[in-house]
């Protein structure tokens, strides 16, 4: 994720449980997670919030990318691009 002139890794885990979408975000693979709020998925569009940021983007193939907005001010705060890493799809 690029924000305010610096880059930071972002790891997402999103799953569907009982018809509802749930997700968590981490800035380190083994770090503490943050519960995603307002998680919405419609076709190839995904949006969600943390306490301070709103992520709005699209999925294309194995890439999810879009913009980051400051929740408090509504001002643009950066961009992000994530690549899918699904261990069940990896080959030995």
PDB file of N, CA and C in Angstrom:
ATOM      1  N   UNK A   1       0.855  -1.169   0.000  1.00  0.00           N
ATOM      2  CA  UNK A   1       0.000   0.000   0.000  1.00  0.00           C
ATOM      3  C   UNK A   1       0.899   1.230   0.000  1.00  0.00           C
ATOM      4  N   UNK A   2       0.623   2.161  -0.891  1.00  0.00           N
ATOM      5  CA  UNK A   2       1.344   3.435  -0.919  1.00  0.00           C
ATOM      6  C   UNK A   2       0.467   4.485  -0.264  1.00  0.00           C
ATOM      7  N   UNK A   3       1.017   5.114   0.775  1.00  0.00           N
ATOM      8  CA  UNK A   3       0.238   6.118   1.501  1.00  0.00           C
ATOM      9  C   UNK A   3       1.147   7.236   1.972  1.00  0.00           C
ATOM     10  N   UNK A   4       0.767   8.453   1.669  1.00  0.00           N
ATOM     11  CA  UNK A   4       1.506   9.636   2.107  1.00  0.00           C
ATOM     12  C   UNK A   4       2.985   9.561   1.742  1.00  0.00           C
ATOM     13  N   UNK A   5       3.289   9.004   0.560  1.00  0.00           N
ATOM     14  CA  UNK A   5       4.664   8.963   0.079  1.00  0.00           C
ATOM     15  C   UNK A   5       5.494   7.788   0.550  1.00  0.00           C
ATOM     16  N   UNK A   6       4.912   6.829   1.260  1.00  0.00           N
ATOM     17  CA  UNK A   6       5.680   5.657   1.691  1.00  0.00           C
ATOM     18  C   UNK A   6       4.885   4.386   1.413  1.00  0.00           C
ATOM     19  N   UNK A   7       5.616   3.288   1.255  1.00  0.00           N
ATOM     20  CA  UNK A   7       4.986   1.995   0.974  1.00  0.00           C
ATOM     21  C   UNK A   7       4.993   1.119   2.212  1.00  0.00           C
ATOM     22  N   UNK A   8       3.953   0.314   2.337  1.00  0.00           N
ATOM     23  CA  UNK A   8       3.842  -0.598   3.475  1.00  0.00           C
ATOM     24  C   UNK A   8       3.131  -1.858   2.990  1.00  0.00           C
ATOM     25  N   UNK A   9       3.608  -3.036   3.426  1.00  0.00           N
ATOM     26  CA  UNK A   9       2.909  -4.266   3.020  1.00  0.00           C
ATOM     27  C   UNK A   9       1.540  -4.357   3.687  1.00  0.00           C
ATOM     28  N   UNK A  10       0.632  -5.046   3.028  1.00  0.00           N
ATOM     29  CA  UNK A  10      -0.708  -5.249   3.570  1.00  0.00           C
ATOM     30  C   UNK A  10      -1.146  -6.662   3.205  1.00  0.00           C
ATOM     31  N   UNK A  11      -1.591  -7.409   4.195  1.00  0.00           N
ATOM     32  CA  UNK A  11      -2.051  -8.778   3.996  1.00  0.00           C
ATOM     33  C   UNK A  11      -3.513  -8.852   4.390  1.00  0.00           C
ATOM     34  N   UNK A  12      -4.358  -9.379   3.486  1.00  0.00           N
ATOM     35  CA  UNK A  12      -5.793  -9.514   3.741  1.00  0.00           C
ATOM     36  C   UNK A  12      -6.190 -10.976   3.770  1.00  0.00           C
ATOM     37  N   UNK A  13      -7.131 -11.278   4.627  1.00  0.00           N
ATOM     38  CA  UNK A  13      -7.759 -12.600   4.638  1.00  0.00           C
ATOM     39  C   UNK A  13      -9.265 -12.350   4.644  1.00  0.00           C
ATOM     40  N   UNK A  14      -9.923 -12.710   3.535  1.00  0.00           N
ATOM     41  CA  UNK A  14     -11.371 -12.496   3.397  1.00  0.00           C
ATOM     42  C   UNK A  14     -12.012 -13.840   3.116  1.00  0.00           C
ATOM     43  N   UNK A  15     -13.093 -14.137   3.845  1.00  0.00           N
ATOM     44  CA  UNK A  15     -13.798 -15.397   3.632  1.00  0.00           C
ATOM     45  C   UNK A  15     -15.295 -15.203   3.833  1.00  0.00           C
ATOM     46  N   UNK A  16     -16.038 -16.137   3.286  1.00  0.00           N
ATOM     47  CA  UNK A  16     -17.494 -16.103   3.416  1.00  0.00           C
ATOM     48  C   UNK A  16     -17.907 -17.190   4.397  1.00  0.00           C
ATOM     49  N   UNK A  17     -18.750 -16.814   5.343  1.00  0.00           N
ATOM     50  CA  UNK A  17     -19.203 -17.748   6.362  1.00  0.00           C
ATOM     51  C   UNK A  17     -20.705 -17.551   6.560  1.00  0.00           C
ATOM     52  N   UNK A  18     -21.483 -18.561   6.210  1.00  0.00           N
ATOM     53  CA  UNK A  18     -22.927 -18.459   6.399  1.00  0.00           C
ATOM     54  C   UNK A  18     -23.569 -17.335   5.610  1.00  0.00           C
ATOM     55  N   UNK A  19     -23.072 -17.038   4.430  1.00  0.00           N
ATOM     56  CA  UNK A  19     -23.652 -15.993   3.602  1.00  0.00           C
ATOM     57  C   UNK A  19     -23.134 -14.597   3.900  1.00  0.00           C
ATOM     58  N   UNK A  20     -22.295 -14.452   4.922  1.00  0.00           N
ATOM     59  CA  UNK A  20     -21.733 -13.144   5.283  1.00  0.00           C
ATOM     60  C   UNK A  20     -20.238 -13.133   4.998  1.00  0.00           C
ATOM     61  N   UNK A  21     -19.736 -11.997   4.523  1.00  0.00           N
ATOM     62  CA  UNK A  21     -18.314 -11.832   4.295  1.00  0.00           C
ATOM     63  C   UNK A  21     -17.656 -11.304   5.564  1.00  0.00           C
ATOM     64  N   UNK A  22     -16.488 -11.846   5.882  1.00  0.00           N
ATOM     65  CA  UNK A  22     -15.689 -11.424   7.039  1.00  0.00           C
ATOM     66  C   UNK A  22     -14.250 -11.281   6.585  1.00  0.00           C
ATOM     67  N   UNK A  23     -13.510 -10.403   7.223  1.00  0.00           N
ATOM     68  CA  UNK A  23     -12.117 -10.255   6.840  1.00  0.00           C
ATOM     69  C   UNK A  23     -11.268  -9.624   7.915  1.00  0.00           C
ATOM     70  N   UNK A  24      -9.953  -9.841   7.750  1.00  0.00           N
ATOM     71  CA  UNK A  24      -8.957  -9.259   8.644  1.00  0.00           C
ATOM     72  C   UNK A  24      -7.808  -8.743   7.801  1.00  0.00           C
ATOM     73  N   UNK A  25      -7.123  -7.739   8.321  1.00  0.00           N
ATOM     74  CA  UNK A  25      -5.950  -7.170   7.654  1.00  0.00           C
ATOM     75  C   UNK A  25      -4.781  -7.202   8.625  1.00  0.00           C
ATOM     76  N   UNK A  26      -3.592  -7.339   8.049  1.00  0.00           N
ATOM     77  CA  UNK A  26      -2.346  -7.293   8.822  1.00  0.00           C
ATOM     78  C   UNK A  26      -1.328  -6.497   8.022  1.00  0.00           C
ATOM     79  N   UNK A  27      -0.408  -5.850   8.716  1.00  0.00           N
ATOM     80  CA  UNK A  27       0.686  -5.181   8.022  1.00  0.00           C
ATOM     81  C   UNK A  27       1.949  -6.034   8.045  1.00  0.00           C
ATOM     82  N   UNK A  28       1.929  -7.128   8.807  1.00  0.00           N
ATOM     83  CA  UNK A  28       3.004  -8.117   8.830  1.00  0.00           C
ATOM     84  C   UNK A  28       2.354  -9.488   8.731  1.00  0.00           C
ATOM     85  N   UNK A  29       3.005 -10.444   8.070  1.00  0.00           N
ATOM     86  CA  UNK A  29       2.428 -11.772   7.881  1.00  0.00           C
ATOM     87  C   UNK A  29       1.985 -12.374   9.211  1.00  0.00           C
ATOM     88  N   UNK A  30       2.816 -12.307  10.220  1.00  0.00           N
ATOM     89  CA  UNK A  30       2.500 -12.903  11.523  1.00  0.00           C
ATOM     90  C   UNK A  30       2.094 -11.857  12.561  1.00  0.00           C
ATOM     91  N   UNK A  31       1.819 -10.649  12.145  1.00  0.00           N
ATOM     92  CA  UNK A  31       1.477  -9.577  13.072  1.00  0.00           C
ATOM     93  C   UNK A  31       0.041  -9.631  13.540  1.00  0.00           C
ATOM     94  N   UNK A  32      -0.331  -8.718  14.432  1.00  0.00           N
ATOM     95  CA  UNK A  32      -1.719  -8.667  14.911  1.00  0.00           C
ATOM     96  C   UNK A  32      -2.665  -8.275  13.777  1.00  0.00           C
ATOM     97  N   UNK A  33      -3.868  -8.790  13.847  1.00  0.00           N
ATOM     98  CA  UNK A  33      -4.829  -8.501  12.782  1.00  0.00           C
ATOM     99  C   UNK A  33      -5.828  -7.433  13.212  1.00  0.00           C
ATOM    100  N   UNK A  34      -6.391  -6.785  12.210  1.00  0.00           N
ATOM    101  CA  UNK A  34      -7.411  -5.757  12.395  1.00  0.00           C
ATOM    102  C   UNK A  34      -8.668  -6.256  11.696  1.00  0.00           C
ATOM    103  N   UNK A  35      -9.779  -6.249  12.393  1.00  0.00           N
ATOM    104  CA  UNK A  35     -11.056  -6.671  11.804  1.00  0.00           C
ATOM    105  C   UNK A  35     -11.506  -5.658  10.758  1.00  0.00           C
ATOM    106  N   UNK A  36     -11.907  -6.154   9.584  1.00  0.00           N
ATOM    107  CA  UNK A  36     -12.418  -5.276   8.538  1.00  0.00           C
ATOM    108  C   UNK A  36     -13.880  -4.945   8.829  1.00  0.00           C
ATOM    109  N   UNK A  37     -14.239  -3.690   8.640  1.00  0.00           N
ATOM    110  CA  UNK A  37     -15.605  -3.225   8.877  1.00  0.00           C
ATOM    111  C   UNK A  37     -16.242  -2.864   7.544  1.00  0.00           C
ATOM    112  N   UNK A  38     -17.560  -2.871   7.490  1.00  0.00           N
ATOM    113  CA  UNK A  38     -18.293  -2.450   6.294  1.00  0.00           C
ATOM    114  C   UNK A  38     -17.815  -3.190   5.044  1.00  0.00           C
ATOM    115  N   UNK A  39     -17.457  -4.476   5.194  1.00  0.00           N
ATOM    116  CA  UNK A  39     -16.961  -5.264   4.060  1.00  0.00           C
ATOM    117  C   UNK A  39     -18.093  -5.556   3.089  1.00  0.00           C
ATOM    118  N   UNK A  40     -17.930  -5.092   1.850  1.00  0.00           N
ATOM    119  CA  UNK A  40     -18.927  -5.287   0.809  1.00  0.00           C
ATOM    120  C   UNK A  40     -18.250  -5.837  -0.436  1.00  0.00           C
ATOM    121  N   UNK A  41     -18.845  -6.877  -1.000  1.00  0.00           N
ATOM    122  CA  UNK A  41     -18.331  -7.461  -2.236  1.00  0.00           C
ATOM    123  C   UNK A  41     -19.485  -7.565  -3.215  1.00  0.00           C
ATOM    124  N   UNK A  42     -19.306  -6.925  -4.365  1.00  0.00           N
ATOM    125  CA  UNK A  42     -20.300  -6.966  -5.447  1.00  0.00           C
ATOM    126  C   UNK A  42     -19.558  -7.192  -6.744  1.00  0.00           C
ATOM    127  N   UNK A  43     -19.772  -8.371  -7.329  1.00  0.00           N
ATOM    128  CA  UNK A  43     -19.072  -8.743  -8.560  1.00  0.00           C
ATOM    129  C   UNK A  43     -17.571  -8.601  -8.349  1.00  0.00           C
ATOM    130  N   UNK A  44     -16.919  -7.711  -9.103  1.00  0.00           N
ATOM    131  CA  UNK A  44     -15.474  -7.551  -8.961  1.00  0.00           C
ATOM    132  C   UNK A  44     -15.092  -6.351  -8.082  1.00  0.00           C
ATOM    133  N   UNK A  45     -16.075  -5.721  -7.430  1.00  0.00           N
ATOM    134  CA  UNK A  45     -15.813  -4.565  -6.568  1.00  0.00           C
ATOM    135  C   UNK A  45     -15.810  -4.982  -5.101  1.00  0.00           C
ATOM    136  N   UNK A  46     -14.797  -4.519  -4.372  1.00  0.00           N
ATOM    137  CA  UNK A  46     -14.679  -4.804  -2.938  1.00  0.00           C
ATOM    138  C   UNK A  46     -14.391  -3.500  -2.220  1.00  0.00           C
ATOM    139  N   UNK A  47     -15.056  -3.285  -1.096  1.00  0.00           N
ATOM    140  CA  UNK A  47     -14.752  -2.139  -0.252  1.00  0.00           C
ATOM    141  C   UNK A  47     -14.841  -2.568   1.211  1.00  0.00           C
ATOM    142  N   UNK A  48     -14.034  -1.922   2.037  1.00  0.00           N
ATOM    143  CA  UNK A  48     -14.048  -2.191   3.478  1.00  0.00           C
ATOM    144  C   UNK A  48     -13.354  -1.045   4.193  1.00  0.00           C
ATOM    145  N   UNK A  49     -13.533  -1.022   5.525  1.00  0.00           N
ATOM    146  CA  UNK A  49     -12.915   0.015   6.351  1.00  0.00           C
ATOM    147  C   UNK A  49     -12.144  -0.599   7.503  1.00  0.00           C
ATOM    148  N   UNK A  50     -11.121   0.147   7.950  1.00  0.00           N
ATOM    149  CA  UNK A  50     -10.490  -0.089   9.240  1.00  0.00           C
ATOM    150  C   UNK A  50     -10.941   1.091  10.112  1.00  0.00           C
ATOM    151  N   UNK A  51     -10.330   1.284  11.250  1.00  0.00           N
ATOM    152  CA  UNK A  51     -10.732   2.416  12.091  1.00  0.00           C
ATOM    153  C   UNK A  51     -10.476   3.764  11.419  1.00  0.00           C
ATOM    154  N   UNK A  52      -9.442   3.846  10.574  1.00  0.00           N
ATOM    155  CA  UNK A  52      -9.091   5.146  10.011  1.00  0.00           C
ATOM    156  C   UNK A  52      -9.087   5.216   8.484  1.00  0.00           C
ATOM    157  N   UNK A  53      -9.134   4.062   7.799  1.00  0.00           N
ATOM    158  CA  UNK A  53      -9.033   4.069   6.348  1.00  0.00           C
ATOM    159  C   UNK A  53     -10.159   3.292   5.684  1.00  0.00           C
ATOM    160  N   UNK A  54     -10.546   3.743   4.496  1.00  0.00           N
ATOM    161  CA  UNK A  54     -11.526   3.019   3.664  1.00  0.00           C
ATOM    162  C   UNK A  54     -10.817   2.611   2.375  1.00  0.00           C
ATOM    163  N   UNK A  55     -10.936   1.346   2.021  1.00  0.00           N
ATOM    164  CA  UNK A  55     -10.334   0.786   0.819  1.00  0.00           C
ATOM    165  C   UNK A  55     -11.442   0.514  -0.186  1.00  0.00           C
ATOM    166  N   UNK A  56     -11.249   0.981  -1.415  1.00  0.00           N
ATOM    167  CA  UNK A  56     -12.239   0.810  -2.477  1.00  0.00           C
ATOM    168  C   UNK A  56     -11.482   0.326  -3.707  1.00  0.00           C
ATOM    169  N   UNK A  57     -11.857  -0.870  -4.203  1.00  0.00           N
ATOM    170  CA  UNK A  57     -11.103  -1.377  -5.338  1.00  0.00           C
ATOM    171  C   UNK A  57     -11.828  -2.430  -6.137  1.00  0.00           C
ATOM    172  N   UNK A  58     -11.116  -2.960  -7.130  1.00  0.00           N
ATOM    173  CA  UNK A  58     -11.632  -3.990  -8.042  1.00  0.00           C
ATOM    174  C   UNK A  58     -10.645  -5.142  -8.108  1.00  0.00           C
ATOM    175  N   UNK A  59     -11.206  -6.311  -8.355  1.00  0.00           N
ATOM    176  CA  UNK A  59     -10.404  -7.510  -8.564  1.00  0.00           C
ATOM    177  C   UNK A  59     -10.323  -7.757 -10.061  1.00  0.00           C
ATOM    178  N   UNK A  60      -9.104  -8.029 -10.521  1.00  0.00           N
ATOM    179  CA  UNK A  60      -8.873  -8.397 -11.913  1.00  0.00           C
ATOM    180  C   UNK A  60      -7.879  -9.553 -11.894  1.00  0.00           C
ATOM    181  N   UNK A  61      -8.351 -10.755 -12.239  1.00  0.00           N
ATOM    182  CA  UNK A  61      -7.487 -11.933 -12.148  1.00  0.00           C
ATOM    183  C   UNK A  61      -7.131 -12.182 -10.698  1.00  0.00           C
ATOM    184  N   UNK A  62      -5.834 -12.226 -10.385  1.00  0.00           N
ATOM    185  CA  UNK A  62      -5.368 -12.440  -9.016  1.00  0.00           C
ATOM    186  C   UNK A  62      -4.937 -11.146  -8.338  1.00  0.00           C
ATOM    187  N   UNK A  63      -5.339  -9.989  -8.891  1.00  0.00           N
ATOM    188  CA  UNK A  63      -4.939  -8.696  -8.338  1.00  0.00           C
ATOM    189  C   UNK A  63      -6.155  -7.909  -7.864  1.00  0.00           C
ATOM    190  N   UNK A  64      -6.036  -7.339  -6.666  1.00  0.00           N
ATOM    191  CA  UNK A  64      -7.047  -6.464  -6.086  1.00  0.00           C
ATOM    192  C   UNK A  64      -6.373  -5.115  -5.896  1.00  0.00           C
ATOM    193  N   UNK A  65      -6.849  -4.080  -6.575  1.00  0.00           N
ATOM    194  CA  UNK A  65      -6.210  -2.770  -6.474  1.00  0.00           C
ATOM    195  C   UNK A  65      -7.255  -1.667  -6.438  1.00  0.00           C
ATOM    196  N   UNK A  66      -6.821  -0.517  -5.904  1.00  0.00           N
ATOM    197  CA  UNK A  66      -7.743   0.599  -5.827  1.00  0.00           C
ATOM    198  C   UNK A  66      -7.181   1.750  -5.017  1.00  0.00           C
ATOM    199  N   UNK A  67      -8.083   2.502  -4.390  1.00  0.00           N
ATOM    200  CA  UNK A  67      -7.703   3.700  -3.648  1.00  0.00           C
ATOM    201  C   UNK A  67      -7.983   3.550  -2.160  1.00  0.00           C
ATOM    202  N   UNK A  68      -7.273   4.357  -1.399  1.00  0.00           N
ATOM    203  CA  UNK A  68      -7.432   4.416   0.055  1.00  0.00           C
ATOM    204  C   UNK A  68      -7.900   5.827   0.398  1.00  0.00           C
ATOM    205  N   UNK A  69      -8.920   5.914   1.259  1.00  0.00           N
ATOM    206  CA  UNK A  69      -9.495   7.197   1.656  1.00  0.00           C
ATOM    207  C   UNK A  69      -9.449   7.311   3.178  1.00  0.00           C
ATOM    208  N   UNK A  70      -9.111   8.483   3.681  1.00  0.00           N
ATOM    209  CA  UNK A  70      -9.130   8.741   5.118  1.00  0.00           C
ATOM    210  C   UNK A  70     -10.588   8.795   5.567  1.00  0.00           C
ATOM    211  N   UNK A  71     -10.982   7.940   6.500  1.00  0.00           N
ATOM    212  CA  UNK A  71     -12.374   7.853   6.948  1.00  0.00           C
ATOM    213  C   UNK A  71     -12.845   9.164   7.570  1.00  0.00           C
ATOM    214  N   UNK A  72     -12.005   9.809   8.359  1.00  0.00           N
ATOM    215  CA  UNK A  72     -12.421  11.017   9.081  1.00  0.00           C
ATOM    216  C   UNK A  72     -12.638  12.213   8.172  1.00  0.00           C
ATOM    217  N   UNK A  73     -11.743  12.376   7.168  1.00  0.00           N
ATOM    218  CA  UNK A  73     -11.814  13.571   6.332  1.00  0.00           C
ATOM    219  C   UNK A  73     -12.432  13.319   4.955  1.00  0.00           C
ATOM    220  N   UNK A  74     -12.451  12.057   4.524  1.00  0.00           N
ATOM    221  CA  UNK A  74     -12.932  11.736   3.186  1.00  0.00           C
ATOM    222  C   UNK A  74     -11.924  12.039   2.099  1.00  0.00           C
ATOM    223  N   UNK A  75     -10.726  12.462   2.495  1.00  0.00           N
ATOM    224  CA  UNK A  75      -9.677  12.817   1.533  1.00  0.00           C
ATOM    225  C   UNK A  75      -8.923  11.578   1.060  1.00  0.00           C
ATOM    226  N   UNK A  76      -8.473  11.583  -0.198  1.00  0.00           N
ATOM    227  CA  UNK A  76      -7.651  10.476  -0.684  1.00  0.00           C
ATOM    228  C   UNK A  76      -6.393  10.328   0.180  1.00  0.00           C
ATOM    229  N   UNK A  77      -6.031   9.071   0.491  1.00  0.00           N
ATOM    230  CA  UNK A  77      -4.870   8.830   1.346  1.00  0.00           C
ATOM    231  C   UNK A  77      -3.836   7.938   0.674  1.00  0.00           C
ATOM    232  N   UNK A  78      -4.120   7.409  -0.516  1.00  0.00           N
ATOM    233  CA  UNK A  78      -3.138   6.574  -1.192  1.00  0.00           C
ATOM    234  C   UNK A  78      -3.776   5.572  -2.126  1.00  0.00           C
ATOM    235  N   UNK A  79      -2.962   4.605  -2.540  1.00  0.00           N
ATOM    236  CA  UNK A  79      -3.395   3.549  -3.441  1.00  0.00           C
ATOM    237  C   UNK A  79      -2.894   2.218  -2.911  1.00  0.00           C
ATOM    238  N   UNK A  80      -3.495   1.127  -3.400  1.00  0.00           N
ATOM    239  CA  UNK A  80      -3.017  -0.195  -3.011  1.00  0.00           C
ATOM    240  C   UNK A  80      -3.144  -1.154  -4.185  1.00  0.00           C
ATOM    241  N   UNK A  81      -2.327  -2.195  -4.145  1.00  0.00           N
ATOM    242  CA  UNK A  81      -2.398  -3.278  -5.109  1.00  0.00           C
ATOM    243  C   UNK A  81      -1.950  -4.544  -4.393  1.00  0.00           C
ATOM    244  N   UNK A  82      -2.832  -5.532  -4.354  1.00  0.00           N
ATOM    245  CA  UNK A  82      -2.549  -6.784  -3.666  1.00  0.00           C
ATOM    246  C   UNK A  82      -2.628  -7.938  -4.655  1.00  0.00           C
ATOM    247  N   UNK A  83      -1.760  -8.922  -4.488  1.00  0.00           N
ATOM    248  CA  UNK A  83      -1.786 -10.126  -5.314  1.00  0.00           C
ATOM    249  C   UNK A  83      -2.269 -11.293  -4.478  1.00  0.00           C
ATOM    250  N   UNK A  84      -3.084 -12.133  -5.073  1.00  0.00           N
ATOM    251  CA  UNK A  84      -3.647 -13.284  -4.380  1.00  0.00           C
ATOM    252  C   UNK A  84      -2.574 -14.332  -4.115  1.00  0.00           C
ATOM    253  N   UNK A  85      -2.568 -14.837  -2.885  1.00  0.00           N
ATOM    254  CA  UNK A  85      -1.678 -15.915  -2.484  1.00  0.00           C
ATOM    255  C   UNK A  85      -2.548 -16.971  -1.840  1.00  0.00           C
ATOM    256  N   UNK A  86      -2.956 -17.962  -2.620  1.00  0.00           N
ATOM    257  CA  UNK A  86      -3.854 -19.015  -2.146  1.00  0.00           C
ATOM    258  C   UNK A  86      -3.072 -20.318  -2.062  1.00  0.00           C
ATOM    259  N   UNK A  87      -2.689 -20.749  -0.840  1.00  0.00           N
ATOM    260  CA  UNK A  87      -1.879 -21.963  -0.696  1.00  0.00           C
ATOM    261  C   UNK A  87      -2.540 -23.199  -1.313  1.00  0.00           C
ATOM    262  N   UNK A  88      -3.852 -23.246  -1.397  1.00  0.00           N
ATOM    263  CA  UNK A  88      -4.525 -24.425  -1.966  1.00  0.00           C
ATOM    264  C   UNK A  88      -4.321 -24.508  -3.476  1.00  0.00           C
ATOM    265  N   UNK A  89      -3.919 -23.401  -4.119  1.00  0.00           N
ATOM    266  CA  UNK A  89      -3.703 -23.390  -5.571  1.00  0.00           C
ATOM    267  C   UNK A  89      -2.251 -23.611  -5.950  1.00  0.00           C
ATOM    268  N   UNK A  90      -1.357 -23.684  -4.969  1.00  0.00           N
ATOM    269  CA  UNK A  90       0.057 -23.859  -5.272  1.00  0.00           C
ATOM    270  C   UNK A  90       0.354 -25.316  -5.608  1.00  0.00           C
ATOM    271  N   UNK A  91       1.303 -25.520  -6.496  1.00  0.00           N
ATOM    272  CA  UNK A  91       1.704 -26.862  -6.862  1.00  0.00           C
ATOM    273  C   UNK A  91       3.054 -27.175  -6.257  1.00  0.00           C
ATOM    274  N   UNK A  92       3.291 -28.458  -6.024  1.00  0.00           N
ATOM    275  CA  UNK A  92       4.558 -28.872  -5.407  1.00  0.00           C
ATOM    276  C   UNK A  92       5.676 -28.927  -6.417  1.00  0.00           C
TER     277      UNK A  92
END
